[in-house]
PDB file of N, CA and C in Angstrom:
ATOM      1  N   MET A   1       0.826  -1.192   0.000  1.00  0.00           N
ATOM      2  CA  MET A   1       0.000   0.000   0.000  1.00  0.00           C
ATOM      3  C   MET A   1       0.870   1.256   0.000  1.00  0.00           C
ATOM      4  N   ALA A   2       1.910   1.261   0.807  1.00  0.00           N
ATOM      5  CA  ALA A   2       2.797   2.426   0.868  1.00  0.00           C
ATOM      6  C   ALA A   2       3.545   2.595  -0.452  1.00  0.00           C
ATOM      7  N   GLN A   3       3.840   1.482  -1.095  1.00  0.00           N
ATOM      8  CA  GLN A   3       4.536   1.554  -2.383  1.00  0.00           C
ATOM      9  C   GLN A   3       3.627   2.172  -3.445  1.00  0.00           C
ATOM     10  N   ALA A   4       2.331   1.878  -3.401  1.00  0.00           N
ATOM     11  CA  ALA A   4       1.382   2.441  -4.358  1.00  0.00           C
ATOM     12  C   ALA A   4       1.230   3.940  -4.143  1.00  0.00           C
ATOM     13  N   GLN A   5       1.262   4.389  -2.875  1.00  0.00           N
ATOM     14  CA  GLN A   5       1.162   5.821  -2.593  1.00  0.00           C
ATOM     15  C   GLN A   5       2.401   6.551  -3.103  1.00  0.00           C
ATOM     16  N   GLY A   6       3.568   5.947  -2.932  1.00  0.00           N
ATOM     17  CA  GLY A   6       4.796   6.547  -3.443  1.00  0.00           C
ATOM     18  C   GLY A   6       4.794   6.633  -4.960  1.00  0.00           C
ATOM     19  N   LEU A   7       4.239   5.619  -5.602  1.00  0.00           N
ATOM     20  CA  LEU A   7       4.137   5.605  -7.052  1.00  0.00           C
ATOM     21  C   LEU A   7       3.177   6.696  -7.529  1.00  0.00           C
ATOM     22  N   GLY A   8       2.068   6.871  -6.823  1.00  0.00           N
ATOM     23  CA  GLY A   8       1.099   7.917  -7.168  1.00  0.00           C
ATOM     24  C   GLY A   8       1.705   9.303  -7.013  1.00  0.00           C
ATOM     25  N   LYS A   9       2.482   9.506  -5.977  1.00  0.00           N
ATOM     26  CA  LYS A   9       3.133  10.806  -5.765  1.00  0.00           C
ATOM     27  C   LYS A   9       4.134  11.101  -6.875  1.00  0.00           C
ATOM     28  N   ARG A  10       4.842  10.062  -7.333  1.00  0.00           N
ATOM     29  CA  ARG A  10       5.797  10.262  -8.425  1.00  0.00           C
ATOM     30  C   ARG A  10       5.089  10.666  -9.704  1.00  0.00           C
ATOM     31  N   TYR A  11       3.950  10.012  -9.999  1.00  0.00           N
ATOM     32  CA  TYR A  11       3.200  10.361 -11.200  1.00  0.00           C
ATOM     33  C   TYR A  11       2.641  11.778 -11.121  1.00  0.00           C
ATOM     34  N   ILE A  12       2.155  12.172  -9.960  1.00  0.00           N
ATOM     35  CA  ILE A  12       1.633  13.534  -9.795  1.00  0.00           C
ATOM     36  C   ILE A  12       2.756  14.545  -9.936  1.00  0.00           C
ATOM     37  N   LYS A  13       3.894  14.254  -9.350  1.00  0.00           N
ATOM     38  CA  LYS A  13       5.046  15.161  -9.452  1.00  0.00           C
ATOM     39  C   LYS A  13       5.507  15.274 -10.910  1.00  0.00           C
ATOM     40  N   ALA A  14       5.554  14.167 -11.630  1.00  0.00           N
ATOM     41  CA  ALA A  14       5.958  14.193 -13.043  1.00  0.00           C
ATOM     42  C   ALA A  14       4.936  14.937 -13.885  1.00  0.00           C
ATOM     43  N   PHE A  15       3.655  14.786 -13.566  1.00  0.00           N
ATOM     44  CA  PHE A  15       2.613  15.510 -14.293  1.00  0.00           C
ATOM     45  C   PHE A  15       2.783  17.011 -14.120  1.00  0.00           C
ATOM     46  N   PHE A  16       2.989  17.469 -12.907  1.00  0.00           N
ATOM     47  CA  PHE A  16       3.129  18.901 -12.678  1.00  0.00           C
ATOM     48  C   PHE A  16       4.412  19.461 -13.290  1.00  0.00           C
ATOM     49  N   LYS A  17       5.471  18.685 -13.287  1.00  0.00           N
ATOM     50  CA  LYS A  17       6.699  19.128 -13.957  1.00  0.00           C
ATOM     51  C   LYS A  17       6.446  19.312 -15.448  1.00  0.00           C
ATOM     52  N   GLY A  18       5.799  18.348 -16.061  1.00  0.00           N
ATOM     53  CA  GLY A  18       5.474  18.453 -17.473  1.00  0.00           C
ATOM     54  C   GLY A  18       4.498  19.578 -17.761  1.00  0.00           C
ATOM     55  N   PHE A  19       3.543  19.777 -16.878  1.00  0.00           N
ATOM     56  CA  PHE A  19       2.551  20.827 -17.036  1.00  0.00           C
ATOM     57  C   PHE A  19       3.207  22.201 -17.007  1.00  0.00           C
ATOM     58  N   PHE A  20       4.095  22.413 -16.051  1.00  0.00           N
ATOM     59  CA  PHE A  20       4.736  23.721 -15.914  1.00  0.00           C
ATOM     60  C   PHE A  20       5.788  23.974 -16.994  1.00  0.00           C
ATOM     61  N   VAL A  21       6.163  22.972 -17.741  1.00  0.00           N
ATOM     62  CA  VAL A  21       7.035  23.162 -18.901  1.00  0.00           C
ATOM     63  C   VAL A  21       6.187  23.335 -20.161  1.00  0.00           C
ATOM     64  N   ALA A  22       5.138  22.532 -20.317  1.00  0.00           N
ATOM     65  CA  ALA A  22       4.343  22.534 -21.542  1.00  0.00           C
ATOM     66  C   ALA A  22       3.511  23.799 -21.706  1.00  0.00           C
ATOM     67  N   VAL A  23       2.950  24.328 -20.633  1.00  0.00           N
ATOM     68  CA  VAL A  23       2.086  25.505 -20.744  1.00  0.00           C
ATOM     69  C   VAL A  23       2.853  26.725 -21.239  1.00  0.00           C
ATOM     70  N   PRO A  24       3.998  27.102 -20.653  1.00  0.00           N
ATOM     71  CA  PRO A  24       4.713  28.264 -21.203  1.00  0.00           C
ATOM     72  C   PRO A  24       5.200  28.053 -22.633  1.00  0.00           C
ATOM     73  N   VAL A  25       5.611  26.839 -22.974  1.00  0.00           N
ATOM     74  CA  VAL A  25       6.064  26.567 -24.337  1.00  0.00           C
ATOM     75  C   VAL A  25       4.893  26.720 -25.309  1.00  0.00           C
ATOM     76  N   THR A  26       3.738  26.205 -24.965  1.00  0.00           N
ATOM     77  CA  THR A  26       2.563  26.301 -25.814  1.00  0.00           C
ATOM     78  C   THR A  26       2.110  27.742 -25.979  1.00  0.00           C
ATOM     79  N   VAL A  27       2.054  28.491 -24.892  1.00  0.00           N
ATOM     80  CA  VAL A  27       1.632  29.890 -24.964  1.00  0.00           C
ATOM     81  C   VAL A  27       2.607  30.701 -25.807  1.00  0.00           C
ATOM     82  N   THR A  28       3.895  30.465 -25.641  1.00  0.00           N
ATOM     83  CA  THR A  28       4.892  31.171 -26.445  1.00  0.00           C
ATOM     84  C   THR A  28       4.757  30.823 -27.912  1.00  0.00           C
ATOM     85  N   PHE A  29       4.541  29.558 -28.225  1.00  0.00           N
ATOM     86  CA  PHE A  29       4.364  29.140 -29.615  1.00  0.00           C
ATOM     87  C   PHE A  29       3.140  29.805 -30.234  1.00  0.00           C
ATOM     88  N   LEU A  30       2.019  29.795 -29.523  1.00  0.00           N
ATOM     89  CA  LEU A  30       0.798  30.382 -30.060  1.00  0.00           C
ATOM     90  C   LEU A  30       0.905  31.891 -30.206  1.00  0.00           C
ATOM     91  N   ASP A  31       1.710  32.529 -29.385  1.00  0.00           N
ATOM     92  CA  ASP A  31       1.862  33.980 -29.442  1.00  0.00           C
ATOM     93  C   ASP A  31       2.880  34.415 -30.485  1.00  0.00           C
ATOM     94  N   ARG A  32       3.960  33.672 -30.655  1.00  0.00           N
ATOM     95  CA  ARG A  32       5.063  34.104 -31.514  1.00  0.00           C
ATOM     96  C   ARG A  32       5.119  33.425 -32.883  1.00  0.00           C
ATOM     97  N   VAL A  33       4.688  32.196 -32.999  1.00  0.00           N
ATOM     98  CA  VAL A  33       4.887  31.440 -34.243  1.00  0.00           C
ATOM     99  C   VAL A  33       3.596  31.331 -35.046  1.00  0.00           C
ATOM    100  N   ALA A  34       2.581  30.673 -34.533  1.00  0.00           N
ATOM    101  CA  ALA A  34       1.350  30.460 -35.280  1.00  0.00           C
ATOM    102  C   ALA A  34       0.222  30.051 -34.345  1.00  0.00           C
ATOM    103  N   CYS A  35      -0.996  30.295 -34.798  1.00  0.00           N
ATOM    104  CA  CYS A  35      -2.160  29.825 -34.056  1.00  0.00           C
ATOM    105  C   CYS A  35      -3.268  29.507 -35.051  1.00  0.00           C
ATOM    106  N   VAL A  36      -4.279  28.817 -34.597  1.00  0.00           N
ATOM    107  CA  VAL A  36      -5.403  28.417 -35.422  1.00  0.00           C
ATOM    108  C   VAL A  36      -6.580  29.329 -35.094  1.00  0.00           C
ATOM    109  N   ALA A  37      -7.291  29.799 -36.137  1.00  0.00           N
ATOM    110  CA  ALA A  37      -8.446  30.671 -35.936  1.00  0.00           C
ATOM    111  C   ALA A  37      -9.582  30.231 -36.842  1.00  0.00           C
ATOM    112  N   ARG A  38     -10.787  30.589 -36.459  1.00  0.00           N
ATOM    113  CA  ARG A  38     -11.976  30.262 -37.236  1.00  0.00           C
ATOM    114  C   ARG A  38     -12.461  31.527 -37.939  1.00  0.00           C
ATOM    115  N   VAL A  39     -12.771  31.411 -39.228  1.00  0.00           N
ATOM    116  CA  VAL A  39     -13.282  32.527 -40.013  1.00  0.00           C
ATOM    117  C   VAL A  39     -14.771  32.309 -40.206  1.00  0.00           C
ATOM    118  N   GLU A  40     -15.565  33.241 -39.710  1.00  0.00           N
ATOM    119  CA  GLU A  40     -17.019  33.164 -39.837  1.00  0.00           C
ATOM    120  C   GLU A  40     -17.528  34.479 -40.412  1.00  0.00           C
ATOM    121  N   GLY A  41     -18.628  34.431 -41.085  1.00  0.00           N
ATOM    122  CA  GLY A  41     -19.231  35.635 -41.607  1.00  0.00           C
ATOM    123  C   GLY A  41     -18.945  35.839 -43.083  1.00  0.00           C
ATOM    124  N   ALA A  42     -19.498  36.918 -43.609  1.00  0.00           N
ATOM    125  CA  ALA A  42     -19.454  37.161 -45.045  1.00  0.00           C
ATOM    126  C   ALA A  42     -18.328  38.092 -45.466  1.00  0.00           C
ATOM    127  N   SER A  43     -17.502  38.533 -44.564  1.00  0.00           N
ATOM    128  CA  SER A  43     -16.504  39.545 -44.905  1.00  0.00           C
ATOM    129  C   SER A  43     -15.444  39.039 -45.880  1.00  0.00           C
ATOM    130  N   MET A  44     -15.120  37.756 -45.871  1.00  0.00           N
ATOM    131  CA  MET A  44     -14.080  37.225 -46.750  1.00  0.00           C
ATOM    132  C   MET A  44     -14.635  36.304 -47.835  1.00  0.00           C
ATOM    133  N   GLN A  45     -15.946  36.338 -48.073  1.00  0.00           N
ATOM    134  CA  GLN A  45     -16.517  35.495 -49.119  1.00  0.00           C
ATOM    135  C   GLN A  45     -16.176  36.063 -50.479  1.00  0.00           C
ATOM    136  N   PRO A  46     -15.961  35.322 -51.506  1.00  0.00           N
ATOM    137  CA  PRO A  46     -16.002  33.870 -51.615  1.00  0.00           C
ATOM    138  C   PRO A  46     -14.661  33.191 -51.357  1.00  0.00           C
ATOM    139  N   SER A  47     -13.593  33.954 -51.040  1.00  0.00           N
ATOM    140  CA  SER A  47     -12.280  33.323 -50.808  1.00  0.00           C
ATOM    141  C   SER A  47     -12.315  32.387 -49.612  1.00  0.00           C
ATOM    142  N   LEU A  48     -12.827  32.857 -48.504  1.00  0.00           N
ATOM    143  CA  LEU A  48     -12.987  32.040 -47.300  1.00  0.00           C
ATOM    144  C   LEU A  48     -14.470  31.967 -46.983  1.00  0.00           C
ATOM    145  N   ASN A  49     -14.877  30.838 -46.466  1.00  0.00           N
ATOM    146  CA  ASN A  49     -16.260  30.626 -46.064  1.00  0.00           C
ATOM    147  C   ASN A  49     -17.211  30.763 -47.254  1.00  0.00           C
ATOM    148  N   PRO A  50     -16.990  30.022 -48.340  1.00  0.00           N
ATOM    149  CA  PRO A  50     -17.831  30.184 -49.525  1.00  0.00           C
ATOM    150  C   PRO A  50     -19.242  29.627 -49.366  1.00  0.00           C
ATOM    151  N   GLY A  51     -19.456  28.790 -48.362  1.00  0.00           N
ATOM    152  CA  GLY A  51     -20.763  28.147 -48.215  1.00  0.00           C
ATOM    153  C   GLY A  51     -21.806  28.997 -47.541  1.00  0.00           C
ATOM    154  N   GLY A  52     -21.468  30.133 -47.035  1.00  0.00           N
ATOM    155  CA  GLY A  52     -22.433  30.976 -46.359  1.00  0.00           C
ATOM    156  C   GLY A  52     -22.237  30.964 -44.860  1.00  0.00           C
ATOM    157  N   LYS A  53     -23.254  31.408 -44.150  1.00  0.00           N
ATOM    158  CA  LYS A  53     -23.137  31.577 -42.699  1.00  0.00           C
ATOM    159  C   LYS A  53     -23.201  30.257 -41.928  1.00  0.00           C
ATOM    160  N   GLN A  54     -23.646  29.182 -42.577  1.00  0.00           N
ATOM    161  CA  GLN A  54     -23.750  27.907 -41.872  1.00  0.00           C
ATOM    162  C   GLN A  54     -22.395  27.244 -41.676  1.00  0.00           C
ATOM    163  N   THR A  55     -21.419  27.595 -42.503  1.00  0.00           N
ATOM    164  CA  THR A  55     -20.121  26.956 -42.404  1.00  0.00           C
ATOM    165  C   THR A  55     -19.081  27.967 -41.967  1.00  0.00           C
ATOM    166  N   SER A  56     -17.962  27.477 -41.487  1.00  0.00           N
ATOM    167  CA  SER A  56     -16.843  28.339 -41.124  1.00  0.00           C
ATOM    168  C   SER A  56     -15.555  27.643 -41.543  1.00  0.00           C
ATOM    169  N   ASP A  57     -14.576  28.430 -41.897  1.00  0.00           N
ATOM    170  CA  ASP A  57     -13.275  27.898 -42.275  1.00  0.00           C
ATOM    171  C   ASP A  57     -12.306  28.030 -41.110  1.00  0.00           C
ATOM    172  N   VAL A  58     -11.379  27.107 -41.034  1.00  0.00           N
ATOM    173  CA  VAL A  58     -10.326  27.154 -40.023  1.00  0.00           C
ATOM    174  C   VAL A  58      -9.029  27.474 -40.747  1.00  0.00           C
ATOM    175  N   VAL A  59      -8.320  28.498 -40.271  1.00  0.00           N
ATOM    176  CA  VAL A  59      -7.089  28.940 -40.915  1.00  0.00           C
ATOM    177  C   VAL A  59      -5.953  28.950 -39.906  1.00  0.00           C
ATOM    178  N   LEU A  60      -4.744  28.846 -40.431  1.00  0.00           N
ATOM    179  CA  LEU A  60      -3.541  28.953 -39.615  1.00  0.00           C
ATOM    180  C   LEU A  60      -2.997  30.367 -39.772  1.00  0.00           C
ATOM    181  N   LEU A  61      -2.913  31.098 -38.670  1.00  0.00           N
ATOM    182  CA  LEU A  61      -2.387  32.455 -38.693  1.00  0.00           C
ATOM    183  C   LEU A  61      -0.890  32.396 -38.417  1.00  0.00           C
ATOM    184  N   ASN A  62      -0.105  32.847 -39.370  1.00  0.00           N
ATOM    185  CA  ASN A  62       1.349  32.782 -39.282  1.00  0.00           C
ATOM    186  C   ASN A  62       1.871  34.086 -38.672  1.00  0.00           C
ATOM    187  N   HIS A  63       2.193  34.064 -37.401  1.00  0.00           N
ATOM    188  CA  HIS A  63       2.705  35.242 -36.710  1.00  0.00           C
ATOM    189  C   HIS A  63       4.155  35.515 -37.086  1.00  0.00           C
ATOM    190  N   TRP A  64       4.868  34.472 -37.464  1.00  0.00           N
ATOM    191  CA  TRP A  64       6.302  34.592 -37.749  1.00  0.00           C
ATOM    192  C   TRP A  64       6.556  35.514 -38.938  1.00  0.00           C
ATOM    193  N   SER A  65       5.760  35.388 -40.002  1.00  0.00           N
ATOM    194  CA  SER A  65       5.927  36.228 -41.191  1.00  0.00           C
ATOM    195  C   SER A  65       5.630  37.690 -40.889  1.00  0.00           C
ATOM    196  N   ILE A  66       4.656  37.937 -40.077  1.00  0.00           N
ATOM    197  CA  ILE A  66       4.300  39.318 -39.727  1.00  0.00           C
ATOM    198  C   ILE A  66       5.421  39.962 -38.921  1.00  0.00           C
ATOM    199  N   ARG A  67       5.998  39.226 -37.996  1.00  0.00           N
ATOM    200  CA  ARG A  67       7.087  39.791 -37.179  1.00  0.00           C
ATOM    201  C   ARG A  67       8.325  40.095 -38.026  1.00  0.00           C
ATOM    202  N   ASN A  68       8.524  39.351 -39.104  1.00  0.00           N
ATOM    203  CA  ASN A  68       9.676  39.574 -39.980  1.00  0.00           C
ATOM    204  C   ASN A  68       9.329  40.440 -41.187  1.00  0.00           C
ATOM    205  N   TYR A  69       8.148  41.033 -41.198  1.00  0.00           N
ATOM    206  CA  TYR A  69       7.682  41.894 -42.291  1.00  0.00           C
ATOM    207  C   TYR A  69       7.756  41.183 -43.643  1.00  0.00           C
ATOM    208  N   ASP A  70       7.382  39.927 -43.661  1.00  0.00           N
ATOM    209  CA  ASP A  70       7.411  39.122 -44.875  1.00  0.00           C
ATOM    210  C   ASP A  70       5.991  38.992 -45.441  1.00  0.00           C
ATOM    211  N   VAL A  71       5.345  40.135 -45.660  1.00  0.00           N
ATOM    212  CA  VAL A  71       3.990  40.162 -46.188  1.00  0.00           C
ATOM    213  C   VAL A  71       4.054  40.621 -47.635  1.00  0.00           C
ATOM    214  N   GLN A  72       3.361  39.900 -48.490  1.00  0.00           N
ATOM    215  CA  GLN A  72       3.380  40.218 -49.922  1.00  0.00           C
ATOM    216  C   GLN A  72       1.963  40.494 -50.417  1.00  0.00           C
ATOM    217  N   ARG A  73       1.900  41.080 -51.579  1.00  0.00           N
ATOM    218  CA  ARG A  73       0.622  41.374 -52.200  1.00  0.00           C
ATOM    219  C   ARG A  73      -0.148  40.078 -52.399  1.00  0.00           C
ATOM    220  N   GLY A  74      -1.420  40.095 -52.038  1.00  0.00           N
ATOM    221  CA  GLY A  74      -2.267  38.924 -52.173  1.00  0.00           C
ATOM    222  C   GLY A  74      -2.404  38.125 -50.886  1.00  0.00           C
ATOM    223  N   ASP A  75      -1.579  38.404 -49.878  1.00  0.00           N
ATOM    224  CA  ASP A  75      -1.681  37.716 -48.589  1.00  0.00           C
ATOM    225  C   ASP A  75      -2.912  38.222 -47.834  1.00  0.00           C
ATOM    226  N   ILE A  76      -3.507  37.356 -47.070  1.00  0.00           N
ATOM    227  CA  ILE A  76      -4.639  37.725 -46.225  1.00  0.00           C
ATOM    228  C   ILE A  76      -4.081  38.024 -44.837  1.00  0.00           C
ATOM    229  N   VAL A  77      -4.395  39.196 -44.324  1.00  0.00           N
ATOM    230  CA  VAL A  77      -3.887  39.629 -43.026  1.00  0.00           C
ATOM    231  C   VAL A  77      -5.056  39.744 -42.063  1.00  0.00           C
ATOM    232  N   SER A  78      -4.912  39.202 -40.858  1.00  0.00           N
ATOM    233  CA  SER A  78      -5.947  39.259 -39.835  1.00  0.00           C
ATOM    234  C   SER A  78      -5.541  40.256 -38.767  1.00  0.00           C
ATOM    235  N   LEU A  79      -6.433  41.182 -38.454  1.00  0.00           N
ATOM    236  CA  LEU A  79      -6.184  42.183 -37.423  1.00  0.00           C
ATOM    237  C   LEU A  79      -7.103  41.930 -36.254  1.00  0.00           C
ATOM    238  N   VAL A  80      -6.598  42.152 -35.056  1.00  0.00           N
ATOM    239  CA  VAL A  80      -7.422  41.984 -33.864  1.00  0.00           C
ATOM    240  C   VAL A  80      -7.717  43.359 -33.300  1.00  0.00           C
TER     241      VAL A  80
END
């Protein structure tokens, strides 16, 4: 019984170590490199969301290109 409690404590400790490493890495990645967003509404039709209001498109927003000023004519830019 004591061995099972020690094993449980090790798993909890390993989980929290991984959690406190994974969360900052994930937040940094989503803030600096790329994130996923949903496009809804008629503002970008027919390029995005061609089916109307019932459907939505999922796009990858590339933060890396914006930070390096690598935007070219024809690129779609999302502003918040």
